[in-house]
Amino acid sequence: MAAVQLGKYCQGFTKLLTIFLSILLLGTILLILWLSLRPHRPTFHIIDFNVPGFAQPSGLNDSRITFNVTARNTNKHNGIYYDSVAGLVFYKDQQIGWTPLMEPFLQGPRTTTMLYGKFCGVKLTVTGKCWPEFMNARKQGNVVFRLQITSVIKYKIRIWDAKHHKMHVNCDVGVGPKGSILPAWKNKKCHAHFS
């Protein structure tokens, strides 16, 4: 009688163990599929940032800012659709310029796209309490700007399109006394996040 109960107990335990291992195996397979299909964020690096009229007494008035940033799609199989791309430049939290960068485009897998931009004219103004800080940083030879690139992106995943994501890329960049990017800031990786 005890042997029959022990046999039923072992059969029940074996069934539970089989179900548990099947669920674990299925979960592992789903995790591997999700990791292989999940798209990765594009990576951005600041290549160049230049403020040619930086040394003039009026600061940024009647000046321009030019920059180059690389956008790299690191996905092996997934393309990225970019809606129109815009660039903004900030000193501290004050926006001092805005410009459209590119029309909508598709970036293929494992490709790099160069984003060029230029901020010009009277939009480039540092005012208020930021002005003394700006002048002091300029005298010290290291003014840190923040370049922000915004776009709405959508991943092309194999045969379907993913939902739209609002992307913000922030690139901090230091400029020396002559208005050129300082060597420590060249090729620096920018921080990208979605909202």
N, C-alpha and C. Protein backbone atom coordinates (compact mmCIF):
# COMPACT_ATOMS: atom_id res chain seq x y z
N MET A 1 0.82 -1.19 0.00
CA MET A 1 0.00 0.00 0.00
C MET A 1 0.87 1.26 0.00
N ALA A 2 1.91 1.24 0.82
CA ALA A 2 2.82 2.38 0.88
C ALA A 2 3.57 2.55 -0.43
N ALA A 3 3.91 1.42 -1.09
CA ALA A 3 4.62 1.48 -2.36
C ALA A 3 3.75 2.11 -3.44
N VAL A 4 2.44 1.85 -3.44
CA VAL A 4 1.51 2.42 -4.42
C VAL A 4 1.41 3.93 -4.21
N GLN A 5 1.31 4.36 -2.94
CA GLN A 5 1.23 5.80 -2.65
C GLN A 5 2.53 6.50 -3.04
N LEU A 6 3.66 5.85 -2.80
CA LEU A 6 4.95 6.43 -3.17
C LEU A 6 5.05 6.54 -4.70
N GLY A 7 4.55 5.55 -5.42
CA GLY A 7 4.57 5.59 -6.89
C GLY A 7 3.72 6.73 -7.42
N LYS A 8 2.50 6.95 -6.84
CA LYS A 8 1.63 8.05 -7.25
C LYS A 8 2.29 9.40 -6.95
N TYR A 9 2.95 9.47 -5.78
CA TYR A 9 3.63 10.69 -5.39
C TYR A 9 4.75 11.01 -6.39
N CYS A 10 5.50 10.00 -6.79
CA CYS A 10 6.61 10.19 -7.74
C CYS A 10 6.07 10.60 -9.11
N GLN A 11 4.95 10.01 -9.54
CA GLN A 11 4.35 10.39 -10.81
C GLN A 11 3.90 11.85 -10.79
N GLY A 12 3.26 12.27 -9.71
CA GLY A 12 2.82 13.67 -9.57
C GLY A 12 4.00 14.63 -9.57
N PHE A 13 5.05 14.24 -8.84
CA PHE A 13 6.25 15.08 -8.78
C PHE A 13 6.91 15.18 -10.16
N THR A 14 6.95 14.07 -10.88
CA THR A 14 7.54 14.05 -12.22
C THR A 14 6.75 14.95 -13.17
N LYS A 15 5.42 14.90 -13.09
CA LYS A 15 4.59 15.76 -13.93
C LYS A 15 4.85 17.24 -13.62
N LEU A 16 4.89 17.57 -12.33
CA LEU A 16 5.16 18.96 -11.94
C LEU A 16 6.54 19.41 -12.41
N LEU A 17 7.53 18.55 -12.27
CA LEU A 17 8.88 18.87 -12.71
C LEU A 17 8.92 19.06 -14.22
N THR A 18 8.22 18.22 -14.98
CA THR A 18 8.16 18.33 -16.43
C THR A 18 7.49 19.65 -16.85
N ILE A 19 6.39 19.98 -16.19
CA ILE A 19 5.70 21.25 -16.50
C ILE A 19 6.61 22.44 -16.19
N PHE A 20 7.27 22.41 -15.03
CA PHE A 20 8.17 23.49 -14.65
C PHE A 20 9.31 23.66 -15.65
N LEU A 21 9.94 22.54 -16.05
CA LEU A 21 11.04 22.61 -17.00
C LEU A 21 10.57 23.07 -18.38
N SER A 22 9.37 22.67 -18.78
CA SER A 22 8.81 23.11 -20.06
C SER A 22 8.58 24.62 -20.06
N ILE A 23 8.02 25.14 -18.97
CA ILE A 23 7.79 26.59 -18.85
C ILE A 23 9.12 27.34 -18.84
N LEU A 24 10.10 26.80 -18.13
CA LEU A 24 11.43 27.42 -18.07
C LEU A 24 12.07 27.44 -19.45
N LEU A 25 11.97 26.34 -20.20
CA LEU A 25 12.53 26.27 -21.54
C LEU A 25 11.82 27.25 -22.48
N LEU A 26 10.49 27.29 -22.42
CA LEU A 26 9.72 28.21 -23.25
C LEU A 26 10.08 29.66 -22.91
N GLY A 27 10.20 29.98 -21.65
CA GLY A 27 10.59 31.33 -21.22
C GLY A 27 11.97 31.71 -21.73
N THR A 28 12.90 30.76 -21.68
CA THR A 28 14.26 31.02 -22.17
C THR A 28 14.25 31.28 -23.67
N ILE A 29 13.48 30.49 -24.42
CA ILE A 29 13.38 30.69 -25.86
C ILE A 29 12.78 32.05 -26.17
N LEU A 30 11.71 32.44 -25.46
CA LEU A 30 11.09 33.74 -25.68
C LEU A 30 12.04 34.88 -25.33
N LEU A 31 12.83 34.73 -24.27
CA LEU A 31 13.80 35.75 -23.89
C LEU A 31 14.87 35.91 -24.96
N ILE A 32 15.36 34.81 -25.50
CA ILE A 32 16.38 34.87 -26.56
C ILE A 32 15.80 35.52 -27.81
N LEU A 33 14.57 35.18 -28.18
CA LEU A 33 13.93 35.81 -29.33
C LEU A 33 13.75 37.31 -29.11
N TRP A 34 13.30 37.69 -27.92
CA TRP A 34 13.09 39.10 -27.62
C TRP A 34 14.41 39.86 -27.68
N LEU A 35 15.48 39.30 -27.11
CA LEU A 35 16.78 39.97 -27.14
C LEU A 35 17.34 40.09 -28.55
N SER A 36 17.08 39.10 -29.40
CA SER A 36 17.61 39.16 -30.76
C SER A 36 16.80 40.10 -31.65
N LEU A 37 15.51 40.26 -31.38
CA LEU A 37 14.67 41.14 -32.20
C LEU A 37 14.57 42.55 -31.64
N ARG A 38 14.87 42.73 -30.38
CA ARG A 38 14.74 44.04 -29.74
C ARG A 38 15.74 45.01 -30.36
N PRO A 39 15.25 46.13 -30.86
CA PRO A 39 16.18 47.08 -31.48
C PRO A 39 16.99 47.84 -30.43
N HIS A 40 18.20 48.22 -30.83
CA HIS A 40 19.07 49.01 -29.98
C HIS A 40 18.98 50.48 -30.39
N ARG A 41 19.19 51.36 -29.42
CA ARG A 41 19.19 52.79 -29.71
C ARG A 41 20.36 53.14 -30.62
N PRO A 42 20.16 54.14 -31.47
CA PRO A 42 21.30 54.62 -32.23
C PRO A 42 22.29 55.31 -31.29
N THR A 43 23.56 55.34 -31.66
CA THR A 43 24.56 56.03 -30.87
C THR A 43 25.01 57.28 -31.61
N PHE A 44 25.30 58.32 -30.86
CA PHE A 44 25.69 59.61 -31.41
C PHE A 44 27.01 60.04 -30.80
N HIS A 45 27.87 60.64 -31.63
CA HIS A 45 29.15 61.17 -31.16
C HIS A 45 29.35 62.57 -31.74
N ILE A 46 29.81 63.49 -30.91
CA ILE A 46 30.12 64.84 -31.38
C ILE A 46 31.49 64.82 -32.03
N ILE A 47 31.56 65.22 -33.28
CA ILE A 47 32.81 65.20 -34.04
C ILE A 47 33.46 66.59 -34.07
N ASP A 48 32.66 67.61 -34.33
CA ASP A 48 33.20 68.96 -34.41
C ASP A 48 32.15 69.95 -33.94
N PHE A 49 32.62 71.05 -33.36
CA PHE A 49 31.76 72.13 -32.88
C PHE A 49 32.60 73.38 -32.93
N ASN A 50 32.14 74.39 -33.66
CA ASN A 50 32.97 75.57 -33.88
C ASN A 50 32.14 76.84 -33.79
N VAL A 51 32.67 77.83 -33.09
CA VAL A 51 32.04 79.15 -32.97
C VAL A 51 33.07 80.17 -33.47
N PRO A 52 33.11 80.44 -34.79
CA PRO A 52 34.18 81.27 -35.36
C PRO A 52 34.30 82.67 -34.75
N GLY A 53 33.21 83.34 -34.45
CA GLY A 53 33.26 84.71 -33.92
C GLY A 53 33.29 84.76 -32.41
N PHE A 54 33.74 83.70 -31.80
CA PHE A 54 33.68 83.57 -30.35
C PHE A 54 34.49 84.64 -29.61
N ALA A 55 35.60 85.08 -30.17
CA ALA A 55 36.48 86.02 -29.48
C ALA A 55 36.00 87.47 -29.59
N GLN A 56 34.98 87.74 -30.40
CA GLN A 56 34.51 89.12 -30.53
C GLN A 56 33.88 89.60 -29.22
N PRO A 57 33.99 90.89 -28.90
CA PRO A 57 33.51 91.41 -27.62
C PRO A 57 32.02 91.20 -27.38
N SER A 58 31.23 91.16 -28.43
CA SER A 58 29.78 91.04 -28.25
C SER A 58 29.33 89.62 -27.97
N GLY A 59 30.27 88.69 -27.85
CA GLY A 59 29.90 87.30 -27.54
C GLY A 59 29.41 86.56 -28.75
N LEU A 60 28.15 86.18 -28.76
CA LEU A 60 27.61 85.41 -29.87
C LEU A 60 26.78 86.22 -30.85
N ASN A 61 26.57 87.50 -30.57
CA ASN A 61 25.77 88.31 -31.50
C ASN A 61 26.44 88.33 -32.86
N ASP A 62 25.65 88.20 -33.90
CA ASP A 62 26.12 88.18 -35.28
C ASP A 62 27.20 87.12 -35.51
N SER A 63 27.12 86.03 -34.82
CA SER A 63 28.07 84.94 -34.97
C SER A 63 27.34 83.74 -35.54
N ARG A 64 28.03 82.63 -35.64
CA ARG A 64 27.40 81.39 -36.07
C ARG A 64 28.07 80.23 -35.34
N ILE A 65 27.37 79.13 -35.29
CA ILE A 65 27.89 77.90 -34.70
C ILE A 65 27.72 76.80 -35.73
N THR A 66 28.77 76.06 -35.99
CA THR A 66 28.68 74.91 -36.90
C THR A 66 29.06 73.65 -36.12
N PHE A 67 28.49 72.53 -36.52
CA PHE A 67 28.79 71.27 -35.82
C PHE A 67 28.61 70.08 -36.74
N ASN A 68 29.25 68.99 -36.37
CA ASN A 68 29.11 67.70 -37.03
C ASN A 68 28.90 66.65 -35.94
N VAL A 69 27.91 65.82 -36.13
CA VAL A 69 27.60 64.73 -35.21
C VAL A 69 27.37 63.48 -36.04
N THR A 70 27.88 62.33 -35.57
CA THR A 70 27.59 61.07 -36.26
C THR A 70 26.45 60.35 -35.56
N ALA A 71 25.58 59.76 -36.36
CA ALA A 71 24.49 58.92 -35.85
C ALA A 71 24.74 57.51 -36.38
N ARG A 72 24.94 56.55 -35.48
CA ARG A 72 25.28 55.17 -35.87
C ARG A 72 24.14 54.24 -35.50
N ASN A 73 23.64 53.51 -36.49
CA ASN A 73 22.65 52.46 -36.25
C ASN A 73 23.44 51.17 -36.00
N THR A 74 23.45 50.70 -34.77
CA THR A 74 24.24 49.52 -34.40
C THR A 74 23.49 48.21 -34.60
N ASN A 75 22.23 48.28 -35.00
CA ASN A 75 21.43 47.07 -35.20
C ASN A 75 21.92 46.29 -36.41
N LYS A 76 21.94 44.96 -36.27
CA LYS A 76 22.40 44.11 -37.37
C LYS A 76 21.36 43.99 -38.48
N HIS A 77 20.08 43.97 -38.11
CA HIS A 77 19.04 43.71 -39.10
C HIS A 77 17.94 44.76 -39.14
N ASN A 78 17.94 45.70 -38.22
CA ASN A 78 16.84 46.65 -38.11
C ASN A 78 17.23 48.03 -38.61
N GLY A 79 16.42 48.58 -39.50
CA GLY A 79 16.62 49.96 -39.95
C GLY A 79 15.93 50.93 -39.01
N ILE A 80 16.25 52.20 -39.14
CA ILE A 80 15.62 53.24 -38.32
C ILE A 80 15.10 54.34 -39.24
N TYR A 81 13.79 54.61 -39.15
CA TYR A 81 13.19 55.74 -39.86
C TYR A 81 13.32 56.97 -38.97
N TYR A 82 13.89 58.03 -39.48
CA TYR A 82 13.95 59.32 -38.77
C TYR A 82 12.97 60.26 -39.42
N ASP A 83 12.05 60.82 -38.62
CA ASP A 83 11.26 61.93 -39.13
C ASP A 83 12.19 63.13 -39.15
N SER A 84 11.70 64.28 -39.53
CA SER A 84 12.59 65.44 -39.64
C SER A 84 13.40 65.61 -38.36
N VAL A 85 14.66 65.98 -38.51
CA VAL A 85 15.61 66.08 -37.40
C VAL A 85 15.93 67.55 -37.18
N ALA A 86 15.91 67.99 -35.91
CA ALA A 86 16.21 69.38 -35.58
C ALA A 86 17.34 69.44 -34.57
N GLY A 87 18.07 70.55 -34.59
CA GLY A 87 19.15 70.77 -33.64
C GLY A 87 18.90 72.02 -32.82
N LEU A 88 19.22 71.96 -31.54
CA LEU A 88 19.12 73.11 -30.65
C LEU A 88 20.45 73.24 -29.92
N VAL A 89 20.83 74.47 -29.59
CA VAL A 89 22.05 74.66 -28.82
C VAL A 89 21.69 75.49 -27.59
N PHE A 90 22.27 75.10 -26.45
CA PHE A 90 22.00 75.74 -25.17
C PHE A 90 23.30 76.17 -24.52
N TYR A 91 23.23 77.28 -23.79
CA TYR A 91 24.28 77.61 -22.83
C TYR A 91 23.57 77.59 -21.48
N LYS A 92 24.07 76.74 -20.57
CA LYS A 92 23.36 76.44 -19.32
C LYS A 92 21.98 75.93 -19.72
N ASP A 93 20.91 76.55 -19.23
CA ASP A 93 19.55 76.13 -19.60
C ASP A 93 18.90 77.07 -20.58
N GLN A 94 19.67 78.02 -21.11
CA GLN A 94 19.12 79.00 -22.04
C GLN A 94 19.35 78.57 -23.48
N GLN A 95 18.25 78.41 -24.22
CA GLN A 95 18.36 78.05 -25.63
C GLN A 95 18.86 79.26 -26.40
N ILE A 96 19.94 79.07 -27.18
CA ILE A 96 20.48 80.20 -27.93
C ILE A 96 20.42 79.98 -29.44
N GLY A 97 19.93 78.85 -29.88
CA GLY A 97 19.79 78.62 -31.31
C GLY A 97 18.98 77.38 -31.62
N TRP A 98 18.39 77.37 -32.83
CA TRP A 98 17.61 76.24 -33.32
C TRP A 98 17.76 76.17 -34.83
N THR A 99 17.83 74.96 -35.38
CA THR A 99 17.88 74.81 -36.83
C THR A 99 17.38 73.43 -37.24
N PRO A 100 16.67 73.33 -38.38
CA PRO A 100 16.36 72.00 -38.91
C PRO A 100 17.63 71.39 -39.48
N LEU A 101 17.78 70.08 -39.35
CA LEU A 101 19.00 69.41 -39.82
C LEU A 101 18.80 68.58 -41.06
N MET A 102 17.80 67.72 -41.06
CA MET A 102 17.60 66.81 -42.19
C MET A 102 16.12 66.56 -42.41
N GLU A 103 15.81 66.23 -43.64
CA GLU A 103 14.47 65.76 -43.98
C GLU A 103 14.35 64.31 -43.51
N PRO A 104 13.14 63.76 -43.46
CA PRO A 104 12.99 62.35 -43.06
C PRO A 104 13.85 61.42 -43.92
N PHE A 105 14.40 60.39 -43.27
CA PHE A 105 15.24 59.43 -43.99
C PHE A 105 15.24 58.09 -43.28
N LEU A 106 15.64 57.05 -44.01
CA LEU A 106 15.79 55.70 -43.46
C LEU A 106 17.27 55.41 -43.32
N GLN A 107 17.69 55.03 -42.14
CA GLN A 107 19.08 54.65 -41.91
C GLN A 107 19.13 53.12 -41.85
N GLY A 108 19.92 52.54 -42.74
CA GLY A 108 20.02 51.10 -42.81
C GLY A 108 20.78 50.50 -41.64
N PRO A 109 20.71 49.18 -41.48
CA PRO A 109 21.44 48.51 -40.41
C PRO A 109 22.95 48.71 -40.55
N ARG A 110 23.61 48.87 -39.41
CA ARG A 110 25.07 49.00 -39.34
C ARG A 110 25.61 50.11 -40.24
N THR A 111 24.93 51.26 -40.26
CA THR A 111 25.40 52.39 -41.04
C THR A 111 25.57 53.61 -40.15
N THR A 112 26.39 54.55 -40.62
CA THR A 112 26.63 55.80 -39.90
C THR A 112 26.21 56.96 -40.80
N THR A 113 25.49 57.91 -40.23
CA THR A 113 25.05 59.10 -40.94
C THR A 113 25.65 60.32 -40.27
N MET A 114 26.19 61.24 -41.06
CA MET A 114 26.76 62.47 -40.53
C MET A 114 25.68 63.55 -40.52
N LEU A 115 25.47 64.17 -39.37
CA LEU A 115 24.52 65.27 -39.24
C LEU A 115 25.33 66.57 -39.16
N TYR A 116 25.13 67.44 -40.15
CA TYR A 116 25.79 68.74 -40.18
C TYR A 116 24.77 69.80 -39.80
N GLY A 117 25.20 70.82 -39.12
CA GLY A 117 24.28 71.89 -38.80
C GLY A 117 24.98 73.21 -38.63
N LYS A 118 24.19 74.29 -38.77
CA LYS A 118 24.71 75.63 -38.60
C LYS A 118 23.63 76.49 -37.94
N PHE A 119 24.00 77.15 -36.86
CA PHE A 119 23.13 78.13 -36.21
C PHE A 119 23.68 79.50 -36.57
N CYS A 120 22.82 80.40 -37.04
CA CYS A 120 23.30 81.71 -37.50
C CYS A 120 22.44 82.84 -36.95
N GLY A 121 23.02 84.04 -36.98
CA GLY A 121 22.27 85.28 -36.83
C GLY A 121 21.90 85.67 -35.43
N VAL A 122 20.89 86.52 -35.36
CA VAL A 122 20.53 87.16 -34.10
C VAL A 122 19.94 86.18 -33.09
N LYS A 123 19.60 84.96 -33.51
CA LYS A 123 19.07 83.98 -32.56
C LYS A 123 20.12 83.61 -31.51
N LEU A 124 21.40 83.77 -31.86
CA LEU A 124 22.48 83.33 -30.98
C LEU A 124 22.77 84.40 -29.94
N THR A 125 21.97 84.41 -28.89
CA THR A 125 22.18 85.41 -27.84
C THR A 125 22.15 84.75 -26.48
N VAL A 126 23.09 85.16 -25.65
CA VAL A 126 23.10 84.77 -24.24
C VAL A 126 22.73 86.02 -23.48
N THR A 127 21.66 85.95 -22.68
CA THR A 127 21.18 87.15 -22.01
C THR A 127 21.01 86.90 -20.51
N GLY A 128 20.63 87.96 -19.82
CA GLY A 128 20.28 87.86 -18.40
C GLY A 128 21.44 87.44 -17.53
N LYS A 129 21.12 86.63 -16.53
CA LYS A 129 22.14 86.22 -15.56
C LYS A 129 23.18 85.28 -16.16
N CYS A 130 22.87 84.67 -17.31
CA CYS A 130 23.84 83.78 -17.95
C CYS A 130 24.99 84.55 -18.58
N TRP A 131 24.77 85.84 -18.92
CA TRP A 131 25.79 86.59 -19.63
C TRP A 131 27.09 86.72 -18.82
N PRO A 132 27.06 87.13 -17.53
CA PRO A 132 28.32 87.20 -16.77
C PRO A 132 29.01 85.83 -16.65
N GLU A 133 28.23 84.77 -16.46
CA GLU A 133 28.80 83.43 -16.38
C GLU A 133 29.46 83.05 -17.71
N PHE A 134 28.79 83.41 -18.80
CA PHE A 134 29.32 83.13 -20.13
C PHE A 134 30.65 83.85 -20.34
N MET A 135 30.69 85.14 -20.00
CA MET A 135 31.91 85.94 -20.18
C MET A 135 33.04 85.40 -19.31
N ASN A 136 32.73 85.01 -18.08
CA ASN A 136 33.75 84.46 -17.17
C ASN A 136 34.30 83.14 -17.71
N ALA A 137 33.42 82.26 -18.18
CA ALA A 137 33.86 80.97 -18.75
C ALA A 137 34.71 81.20 -20.00
N ARG A 138 34.34 82.20 -20.79
CA ARG A 138 35.10 82.51 -22.00
C ARG A 138 36.51 82.99 -21.64
N LYS A 139 36.63 83.80 -20.59
CA LYS A 139 37.94 84.26 -20.14
C LYS A 139 38.81 83.09 -19.66
N GLN A 140 38.17 82.11 -19.03
CA GLN A 140 38.90 80.95 -18.53
C GLN A 140 39.25 79.97 -19.65
N GLY A 141 38.66 80.14 -20.82
CA GLY A 141 39.02 79.32 -21.98
C GLY A 141 38.29 77.99 -22.08
N ASN A 142 37.13 77.87 -21.43
CA ASN A 142 36.37 76.62 -21.52
C ASN A 142 34.89 76.92 -21.31
N VAL A 143 34.18 77.14 -22.42
CA VAL A 143 32.74 77.37 -22.36
C VAL A 143 32.06 76.07 -22.79
N VAL A 144 31.17 75.58 -21.95
CA VAL A 144 30.49 74.31 -22.25
C VAL A 144 29.08 74.61 -22.76
N PHE A 145 28.83 74.17 -23.98
CA PHE A 145 27.51 74.27 -24.59
C PHE A 145 26.86 72.89 -24.55
N ARG A 146 25.56 72.88 -24.76
CA ARG A 146 24.84 71.61 -24.90
C ARG A 146 24.12 71.63 -26.24
N LEU A 147 24.48 70.69 -27.09
CA LEU A 147 23.83 70.52 -28.38
C LEU A 147 22.77 69.44 -28.20
N GLN A 148 21.54 69.77 -28.58
CA GLN A 148 20.45 68.79 -28.47
C GLN A 148 19.91 68.51 -29.87
N ILE A 149 19.79 67.23 -30.18
CA ILE A 149 19.21 66.80 -31.45
C ILE A 149 17.91 66.08 -31.12
N THR A 150 16.84 66.49 -31.78
CA THR A 150 15.54 65.88 -31.53
C THR A 150 14.98 65.30 -32.83
N SER A 151 14.30 64.20 -32.69
CA SER A 151 13.64 63.57 -33.83
C SER A 151 12.60 62.58 -33.31
N VAL A 152 11.73 62.18 -34.18
CA VAL A 152 10.82 61.08 -33.89
C VAL A 152 11.32 59.93 -34.75
N ILE A 153 11.60 58.78 -34.11
CA ILE A 153 12.14 57.65 -34.86
C ILE A 153 11.19 56.46 -34.76
N LYS A 154 11.32 55.57 -35.72
CA LYS A 154 10.55 54.34 -35.75
C LYS A 154 11.47 53.25 -36.28
N TYR A 155 11.49 52.11 -35.61
CA TYR A 155 12.34 51.00 -36.03
C TYR A 155 11.65 50.18 -37.10
N LYS A 156 12.41 49.77 -38.08
CA LYS A 156 11.94 48.83 -39.11
C LYS A 156 12.47 47.47 -38.69
N ILE A 157 11.62 46.67 -38.04
CA ILE A 157 12.03 45.38 -37.49
C ILE A 157 11.58 44.28 -38.42
N ARG A 158 12.54 43.73 -39.14
CA ARG A 158 12.28 42.65 -40.11
C ARG A 158 11.12 43.01 -41.03
N ILE A 159 9.92 42.51 -40.72
CA ILE A 159 8.80 42.71 -41.62
C ILE A 159 7.75 43.67 -41.08
N TRP A 160 7.93 44.20 -39.87
CA TRP A 160 6.94 45.13 -39.34
C TRP A 160 7.63 46.38 -38.83
N ASP A 161 6.84 47.44 -38.72
CA ASP A 161 7.34 48.71 -38.19
C ASP A 161 6.92 48.83 -36.73
N ALA A 162 7.83 49.31 -35.90
CA ALA A 162 7.52 49.52 -34.48
C ALA A 162 6.83 50.88 -34.32
N LYS A 163 6.41 51.18 -33.10
CA LYS A 163 5.74 52.45 -32.85
C LYS A 163 6.77 53.59 -32.86
N HIS A 164 6.26 54.82 -32.96
CA HIS A 164 7.11 56.01 -32.98
C HIS A 164 7.65 56.31 -31.57
N HIS A 165 8.89 56.80 -31.53
CA HIS A 165 9.53 57.20 -30.28
C HIS A 165 10.09 58.60 -30.46
N LYS A 166 9.80 59.50 -29.52
CA LYS A 166 10.39 60.84 -29.52
C LYS A 166 11.77 60.71 -28.91
N MET A 167 12.81 61.08 -29.67
CA MET A 167 14.18 60.91 -29.23
C MET A 167 14.84 62.26 -28.98
N HIS A 168 15.58 62.35 -27.87
CA HIS A 168 16.37 63.53 -27.54
C HIS A 168 17.81 63.07 -27.35
N VAL A 169 18.73 63.72 -28.03
CA VAL A 169 20.15 63.41 -27.90
C VAL A 169 20.83 64.65 -27.35
N ASN A 170 21.54 64.52 -26.25
CA ASN A 170 22.25 65.64 -25.64
C ASN A 170 23.75 65.43 -25.72
N CYS A 171 24.43 66.40 -26.34
CA CYS A 171 25.88 66.36 -26.48
C CYS A 171 26.46 67.58 -25.77
N ASP A 172 27.15 67.36 -24.68
CA ASP A 172 27.87 68.45 -24.03
C ASP A 172 29.18 68.63 -24.78
N VAL A 173 29.57 69.87 -25.00
CA VAL A 173 30.78 70.14 -25.77
C VAL A 173 31.46 71.40 -25.24
N GLY A 174 32.76 71.29 -25.00
CA GLY A 174 33.55 72.42 -24.52
C GLY A 174 34.26 73.12 -25.66
N VAL A 175 34.24 74.47 -25.61
CA VAL A 175 34.85 75.29 -26.65
C VAL A 175 35.96 76.13 -26.01
N GLY A 176 37.09 76.21 -26.70
CA GLY A 176 38.23 76.98 -26.22
C GLY A 176 38.14 78.45 -26.57
N PRO A 177 39.19 79.22 -26.25
CA PRO A 177 39.17 80.68 -26.45
C PRO A 177 38.97 81.12 -27.90
N LYS A 178 39.38 80.31 -28.86
CA LYS A 178 39.22 80.68 -30.28
C LYS A 178 37.91 80.16 -30.88
N GLY A 179 37.11 79.49 -30.08
CA GLY A 179 35.81 79.03 -30.55
C GLY A 179 35.80 77.63 -31.12
N SER A 180 36.92 76.91 -31.06
CA SER A 180 36.98 75.54 -31.57
C SER A 180 36.75 74.54 -30.45
N ILE A 181 36.26 73.38 -30.83
CA ILE A 181 36.04 72.32 -29.85
C ILE A 181 37.38 71.95 -29.19
N LEU A 182 37.34 71.76 -27.90
CA LEU A 182 38.55 71.35 -27.17
C LEU A 182 38.80 69.86 -27.42
N PRO A 183 40.06 69.44 -27.50
CA PRO A 183 40.38 68.04 -27.83
C PRO A 183 39.71 67.01 -26.92
N ALA A 184 39.53 67.34 -25.64
CA ALA A 184 38.92 66.38 -24.71
C ALA A 184 37.47 66.09 -25.05
N TRP A 185 36.82 66.95 -25.82
CA TRP A 185 35.41 66.79 -26.14
C TRP A 185 35.19 66.15 -27.51
N LYS A 186 36.23 66.01 -28.32
CA LYS A 186 36.08 65.42 -29.66
C LYS A 186 35.74 63.94 -29.56
N ASN A 187 34.85 63.50 -30.42
CA ASN A 187 34.41 62.10 -30.51
C ASN A 187 33.77 61.60 -29.22
N LYS A 188 33.27 62.51 -28.42
CA LYS A 188 32.63 62.13 -27.16
C LYS A 188 31.22 61.61 -27.45
N LYS A 189 30.85 60.54 -26.78
CA LYS A 189 29.53 59.94 -26.97
C LYS A 189 28.47 60.82 -26.33
N CYS A 190 27.38 60.99 -27.04
CA CYS A 190 26.25 61.79 -26.56
C CYS A 190 25.23 60.88 -25.87
N HIS A 191 24.45 61.48 -25.00
CA HIS A 191 23.43 60.73 -24.27
C HIS A 191 22.10 60.80 -25.02
N ALA A 192 21.54 59.65 -25.36
CA ALA A 192 20.25 59.59 -26.07
C ALA A 192 19.19 58.99 -25.16
N HIS A 193 18.02 59.59 -25.15
CA HIS A 193 16.90 59.03 -24.39
C HIS A 193 15.60 59.28 -25.14
N PHE A 194 14.59 58.49 -24.79
CA PHE A 194 13.27 58.60 -25.41
C PHE A 194 12.28 59.19 -24.43
N SER A 195 11.29 59.93 -24.96
CA SER A 195 10.23 60.43 -24.09
C SER A 195 8.89 59.98 -24.63
